[in-house]
Amino acid sequence: HWCRGDVNLVRRHSSEAQALAHQQGFLLWSSVNALFLQWVTARQGRLHDTAPIFAAAAAMQNAYDSGVTTARWIALHALLAQGGHHAAALPLIDHAIVEAEGNETGYCLADLFWLKADCLQAIGQRRPATTWRRRARELARRQQAKGLMARFGVA
């Protein structure tokens, strides 16, 4: 639902999952869903402070050492959903791409490529943005990432 950009379903499922995770003491799942809820808040234009995004990402990283790339990926979405952070996000995206390639967490690469294209487009770098979009579409297709394929317009 998150990859498809369905704010309502992400809010509903993440709220449920976070409550259950908190009740059962599952810190990783609680923090992951806190990140998703920050993304929802940003997409709705209600995020006035980025500190909760970074707090949720740090909590996720503390709960699961290998969750750094995933935490960074979701946090980047929340920051960019708030708007106006494209140039500042590029180095973080590049770092997340290197991290994902090195840690073999390829499930997030296609979307990170797309985020990079969005940022490049926003700062006026159309040609590199087109290249990164093509890479994102090709990888989503190879991975059969249906949510991303739908969002990227891949047939």
C-alpha atoms as a PDB file:
ATOM      1  CA  HIS A   1       0.000   0.000   0.000  1.00  0.00           C
ATOM      2  CA  TRP A   2       2.926   2.325   0.766  1.00  0.00           C
ATOM      3  CA  CYS A   3       4.569   1.681  -2.619  1.00  0.00           C
ATOM      4  CA  ARG A   4       1.250   2.445  -4.288  1.00  0.00           C
ATOM      5  CA  GLY A   5       0.936   5.669  -2.296  1.00  0.00           C
ATOM      6  CA  ASP A   6      -2.344   4.695  -0.629  1.00  0.00           C
ATOM      7  CA  VAL A   7      -2.306   7.048   2.355  1.00  0.00           C
ATOM      8  CA  ASN A   8      -5.562   5.783   3.879  1.00  0.00           C
ATOM      9  CA  LEU A   9      -4.622   2.103   3.867  1.00  0.00           C
ATOM     10  CA  VAL A  10      -1.105   2.819   5.127  1.00  0.00           C
ATOM     11  CA  ARG A  11      -2.549   4.879   7.987  1.00  0.00           C
ATOM     12  CA  ARG A  12      -5.080   2.192   8.887  1.00  0.00           C
ATOM     13  CA  HIS A  13      -2.712  -0.779   8.727  1.00  0.00           C
ATOM     14  CA  SER A  14       0.246   1.011  10.290  1.00  0.00           C
ATOM     15  CA  SER A  15      -1.883   2.264  13.172  1.00  0.00           C
ATOM     16  CA  GLU A  16      -3.107  -1.282  13.841  1.00  0.00           C
ATOM     17  CA  ALA A  17       0.342  -2.799  13.459  1.00  0.00           C
ATOM     18  CA  GLN A  18       1.977  -0.193  15.664  1.00  0.00           C
ATOM     19  CA  ALA A  19      -0.594  -0.687  18.421  1.00  0.00           C
ATOM     20  CA  LEU A  20      -0.168  -4.471  18.316  1.00  0.00           C
ATOM     21  CA  ALA A  21       3.626  -4.217  18.176  1.00  0.00           C
ATOM     22  CA  HIS A  22       3.678  -1.820  21.115  1.00  0.00           C
ATOM     23  CA  GLN A  23       1.330  -4.079  23.090  1.00  0.00           C
ATOM     24  CA  GLN A  24       3.512  -7.138  22.414  1.00  0.00           C
ATOM     25  CA  GLY A  25       6.834  -5.333  22.874  1.00  0.00           C
ATOM     26  CA  PHE A  26       8.002  -5.710  19.244  1.00  0.00           C
ATOM     27  CA  LEU A  27      10.208  -2.628  18.992  1.00  0.00           C
ATOM     28  CA  LEU A  28      11.181  -3.158  15.353  1.00  0.00           C
ATOM     29  CA  TRP A  29       7.606  -3.361  14.115  1.00  0.00           C
ATOM     30  CA  SER A  30       6.526  -0.491  16.316  1.00  0.00           C
ATOM     31  CA  SER A  31       9.274   1.757  14.940  1.00  0.00           C
ATOM     32  CA  VAL A  32       8.740   0.705  11.299  1.00  0.00           C
ATOM     33  CA  ASN A  33       5.082   1.570  11.557  1.00  0.00           C
ATOM     34  CA  ALA A  34       5.914   4.843  13.311  1.00  0.00           C
ATOM     35  CA  LEU A  35       7.951   5.724  10.208  1.00  0.00           C
ATOM     36  CA  PHE A  36       5.060   4.828   7.929  1.00  0.00           C
ATOM     37  CA  LEU A  37       2.758   7.014  10.027  1.00  0.00           C
ATOM     38  CA  GLN A  38       5.214   9.912   9.712  1.00  0.00           C
ATOM     39  CA  TRP A  39       5.061   9.434   5.948  1.00  0.00           C
ATOM     40  CA  VAL A  40       1.250   9.599   6.130  1.00  0.00           C
ATOM     41  CA  THR A  41       1.455  12.802   8.172  1.00  0.00           C
ATOM     42  CA  ALA A  42       3.857  14.334   5.640  1.00  0.00           C
ATOM     43  CA  ARG A  43       1.729  13.287   2.650  1.00  0.00           C
ATOM     44  CA  GLN A  44      -1.265  14.941   4.290  1.00  0.00           C
ATOM     45  CA  GLY A  45       0.709  18.163   4.705  1.00  0.00           C
ATOM     46  CA  ARG A  46       0.548  17.983   8.503  1.00  0.00           C
ATOM     47  CA  LEU A  47       4.239  17.404   9.262  1.00  0.00           C
ATOM     48  CA  HIS A  48       5.593  20.608  10.765  1.00  0.00           C
ATOM     49  CA  ASP A  49       8.738  19.157  12.323  1.00  0.00           C
ATOM     50  CA  THR A  50      11.076  16.522  10.876  1.00  0.00           C
ATOM     51  CA  ALA A  51      12.358  15.430  14.297  1.00  0.00           C
ATOM     52  CA  PRO A  52       9.732  12.656  14.642  1.00  0.00           C
ATOM     53  CA  ILE A  53      10.907  11.140  11.335  1.00  0.00           C
ATOM     54  CA  PHE A  54      14.484  10.945  12.556  1.00  0.00           C
ATOM     55  CA  ALA A  55      13.391   9.677  15.979  1.00  0.00           C
ATOM     56  CA  ALA A  56      11.393   6.849  14.386  1.00  0.00           C
ATOM     57  CA  ALA A  57      14.295   5.999  12.052  1.00  0.00           C
ATOM     58  CA  ALA A  58      16.710   5.920  15.005  1.00  0.00           C
ATOM     59  CA  ALA A  59      14.321   3.705  16.983  1.00  0.00           C
ATOM     60  CA  MET A  60      14.114   1.313  14.056  1.00  0.00           C
ATOM     61  CA  GLN A  61      17.885   1.205  13.718  1.00  0.00           C
ATOM     62  CA  ASN A  62      18.256   0.540  17.446  1.00  0.00           C
ATOM     63  CA  ALA A  63      15.732  -2.289  17.252  1.00  0.00           C
ATOM     64  CA  TYR A  64      17.344  -3.901  14.221  1.00  0.00           C
ATOM     65  CA  ASP A  65      20.928  -3.132  13.213  1.00  0.00           C
ATOM     66  CA  SER A  66      20.373  -4.224   9.619  1.00  0.00           C
ATOM     67  CA  GLY A  67      17.375  -1.930   9.307  1.00  0.00           C
ATOM     68  CA  VAL A  68      19.482   1.130   8.522  1.00  0.00           C
ATOM     69  CA  THR A  69      18.793   1.088   4.777  1.00  0.00           C
ATOM     70  CA  THR A  70      15.071   0.477   5.215  1.00  0.00           C
ATOM     71  CA  ALA A  71      14.807   3.196   7.854  1.00  0.00           C
ATOM     72  CA  ARG A  72      16.641   5.647   5.621  1.00  0.00           C
ATOM     73  CA  TRP A  73      14.409   4.693   2.666  1.00  0.00           C
ATOM     74  CA  ILE A  74      11.140   5.306   4.522  1.00  0.00           C
ATOM     75  CA  ALA A  75      12.489   8.458   6.193  1.00  0.00           C
ATOM     76  CA  LEU A  76      13.501   9.865   2.798  1.00  0.00           C
ATOM     77  CA  HIS A  77       9.963   9.334   1.533  1.00  0.00           C
ATOM     78  CA  ALA A  78       8.564  11.190   4.529  1.00  0.00           C
ATOM     79  CA  LEU A  79      11.008  14.084   4.138  1.00  0.00           C
ATOM     80  CA  LEU A  80      10.314  14.423   0.426  1.00  0.00           C
ATOM     81  CA  ALA A  81       6.561  14.173   0.968  1.00  0.00           C
ATOM     82  CA  GLN A  82       6.856  17.248   3.158  1.00  0.00           C
ATOM     83  CA  GLY A  83       8.319  19.082   0.156  1.00  0.00           C
ATOM     84  CA  GLY A  84      11.224  21.346  -0.595  1.00  0.00           C
ATOM     85  CA  HIS A  85      14.082  19.086   0.498  1.00  0.00           C
ATOM     86  CA  HIS A  86      15.156  17.747  -2.908  1.00  0.00           C
ATOM     87  CA  ALA A  87      18.720  19.065  -3.041  1.00  0.00           C
ATOM     88  CA  ALA A  88      19.368  18.124   0.584  1.00  0.00           C
ATOM     89  CA  ALA A  89      17.976  14.618   0.046  1.00  0.00           C
ATOM     90  CA  LEU A  90      20.277  13.742  -2.873  1.00  0.00           C
ATOM     91  CA  PRO A  91      23.359  12.871  -0.764  1.00  0.00           C
ATOM     92  CA  LEU A  92      21.166  10.788   1.570  1.00  0.00           C
ATOM     93  CA  ILE A  93      19.667   8.962  -1.405  1.00  0.00           C
ATOM     94  CA  ASP A  94      23.120   8.305  -2.871  1.00  0.00           C
ATOM     95  CA  HIS A  95      24.256   6.955   0.491  1.00  0.00           C
ATOM     96  CA  ALA A  96      21.172   4.726   0.743  1.00  0.00           C
ATOM     97  CA  ILE A  97      21.782   3.399  -2.795  1.00  0.00           C
ATOM     98  CA  VAL A  98      25.384   2.473  -1.980  1.00  0.00           C
ATOM     99  CA  GLU A  99      24.220   0.955   1.296  1.00  0.00           C
ATOM    100  CA  ALA A 100      21.455  -1.070  -0.369  1.00  0.00           C
ATOM    101  CA  GLU A 101      23.811  -2.362  -3.057  1.00  0.00           C
ATOM    102  CA  GLY A 102      26.452  -3.269  -0.452  1.00  0.00           C
ATOM    103  CA  ASN A 103      24.036  -4.942   1.948  1.00  0.00           C
ATOM    104  CA  GLU A 104      22.138  -6.681  -0.829  1.00  0.00           C
ATOM    105  CA  THR A 105      18.886  -5.029   0.224  1.00  0.00           C
ATOM    106  CA  GLY A 106      17.806  -4.660  -3.370  1.00  0.00           C
ATOM    107  CA  TYR A 107      14.108  -4.546  -2.520  1.00  0.00           C
ATOM    108  CA  CYS A 108      14.365  -0.789  -2.039  1.00  0.00           C
ATOM    109  CA  LEU A 109      16.716   0.066  -4.910  1.00  0.00           C
ATOM    110  CA  ALA A 110      14.120   0.687  -7.614  1.00  0.00           C
ATOM    111  CA  ASP A 111      12.278   3.123  -5.392  1.00  0.00           C
ATOM    112  CA  LEU A 112      15.510   4.824  -4.315  1.00  0.00           C
ATOM    113  CA  PHE A 113      16.355   5.259  -8.018  1.00  0.00           C
ATOM    114  CA  TRP A 114      12.922   6.855  -8.512  1.00  0.00           C
ATOM    115  CA  LEU A 115      13.407   9.169  -5.526  1.00  0.00           C
ATOM    116  CA  LYS A 116      16.747  10.241  -6.955  1.00  0.00           C
ATOM    117  CA  ALA A 117      15.056  10.972 -10.304  1.00  0.00           C
ATOM    118  CA  ASP A 118      12.381  13.042  -8.527  1.00  0.00           C
ATOM    119  CA  CYS A 119      15.034  15.087  -6.746  1.00  0.00           C
ATOM    120  CA  LEU A 120      17.095  15.613  -9.893  1.00  0.00           C
ATOM    121  CA  GLN A 121      13.966  16.677 -11.784  1.00  0.00           C
ATOM    122  CA  ALA A 122      13.037  19.115  -9.014  1.00  0.00           C
ATOM    123  CA  ILE A 123      16.428  20.839  -9.199  1.00  0.00           C
ATOM    124  CA  GLY A 124      16.309  21.069 -12.998  1.00  0.00           C
ATOM    125  CA  GLN A 125      18.508  18.133 -14.009  1.00  0.00           C
ATOM    126  CA  ARG A 126      16.143  16.541 -16.522  1.00  0.00           C
ATOM    127  CA  ARG A 127      18.532  14.303 -18.449  1.00  0.00           C
ATOM    128  CA  PRO A 128      19.969  12.501 -15.381  1.00  0.00           C
ATOM    129  CA  ALA A 129      16.438  12.279 -13.951  1.00  0.00           C
ATOM    130  CA  THR A 130      15.279  10.458 -17.092  1.00  0.00           C
ATOM    131  CA  THR A 131      18.172   7.998 -16.788  1.00  0.00           C
ATOM    132  CA  TRP A 132      17.359   7.230 -13.136  1.00  0.00           C
ATOM    133  CA  ARG A 133      13.647   6.794 -13.945  1.00  0.00           C
ATOM    134  CA  ARG A 134      14.531   4.297 -16.678  1.00  0.00           C
ATOM    135  CA  ARG A 135      16.754   2.376 -14.249  1.00  0.00           C
ATOM    136  CA  ALA A 136      13.956   2.375 -11.650  1.00  0.00           C
ATOM    137  CA  ARG A 137      11.398   1.041 -14.134  1.00  0.00           C
ATOM    138  CA  GLU A 138      13.744  -1.666 -15.425  1.00  0.00           C
ATOM    139  CA  LEU A 139      14.594  -2.873 -11.929  1.00  0.00           C
ATOM    140  CA  ALA A 140      10.961  -2.810 -10.755  1.00  0.00           C
ATOM    141  CA  ARG A 141      10.043  -4.896 -13.805  1.00  0.00           C
ATOM    142  CA  ARG A 142      12.883  -7.401 -13.161  1.00  0.00           C
ATOM    143  CA  GLN A 143      11.896  -7.691  -9.494  1.00  0.00           C
ATOM    144  CA  GLN A 144       8.187  -7.934 -10.337  1.00  0.00           C
ATOM    145  CA  ALA A 145       7.560  -5.216  -7.735  1.00  0.00           C
ATOM    146  CA  LYS A 146       3.893  -4.755  -8.580  1.00  0.00           C
ATOM    147  CA  GLY A 147       3.277  -1.770  -6.304  1.00  0.00           C
ATOM    148  CA  LEU A 148       6.264   0.086  -7.730  1.00  0.00           C
ATOM    149  CA  MET A 149       5.426  -0.952 -11.277  1.00  0.00           C
ATOM    150  CA  ALA A 150       1.963   0.539 -10.845  1.00  0.00           C
ATOM    151  CA  ARG A 151       3.362   3.761  -9.406  1.00  0.00           C
ATOM    152  CA  PHE A 152       6.071   4.022 -12.093  1.00  0.00           C
ATOM    153  CA  GLY A 153       3.610   3.353 -14.935  1.00  0.00           C
ATOM    154  CA  VAL A 154       5.289   0.095 -15.990  1.00  0.00           C
ATOM    155  CA  ALA A 155       3.098  -2.173 -18.109  1.00  0.00           C
END
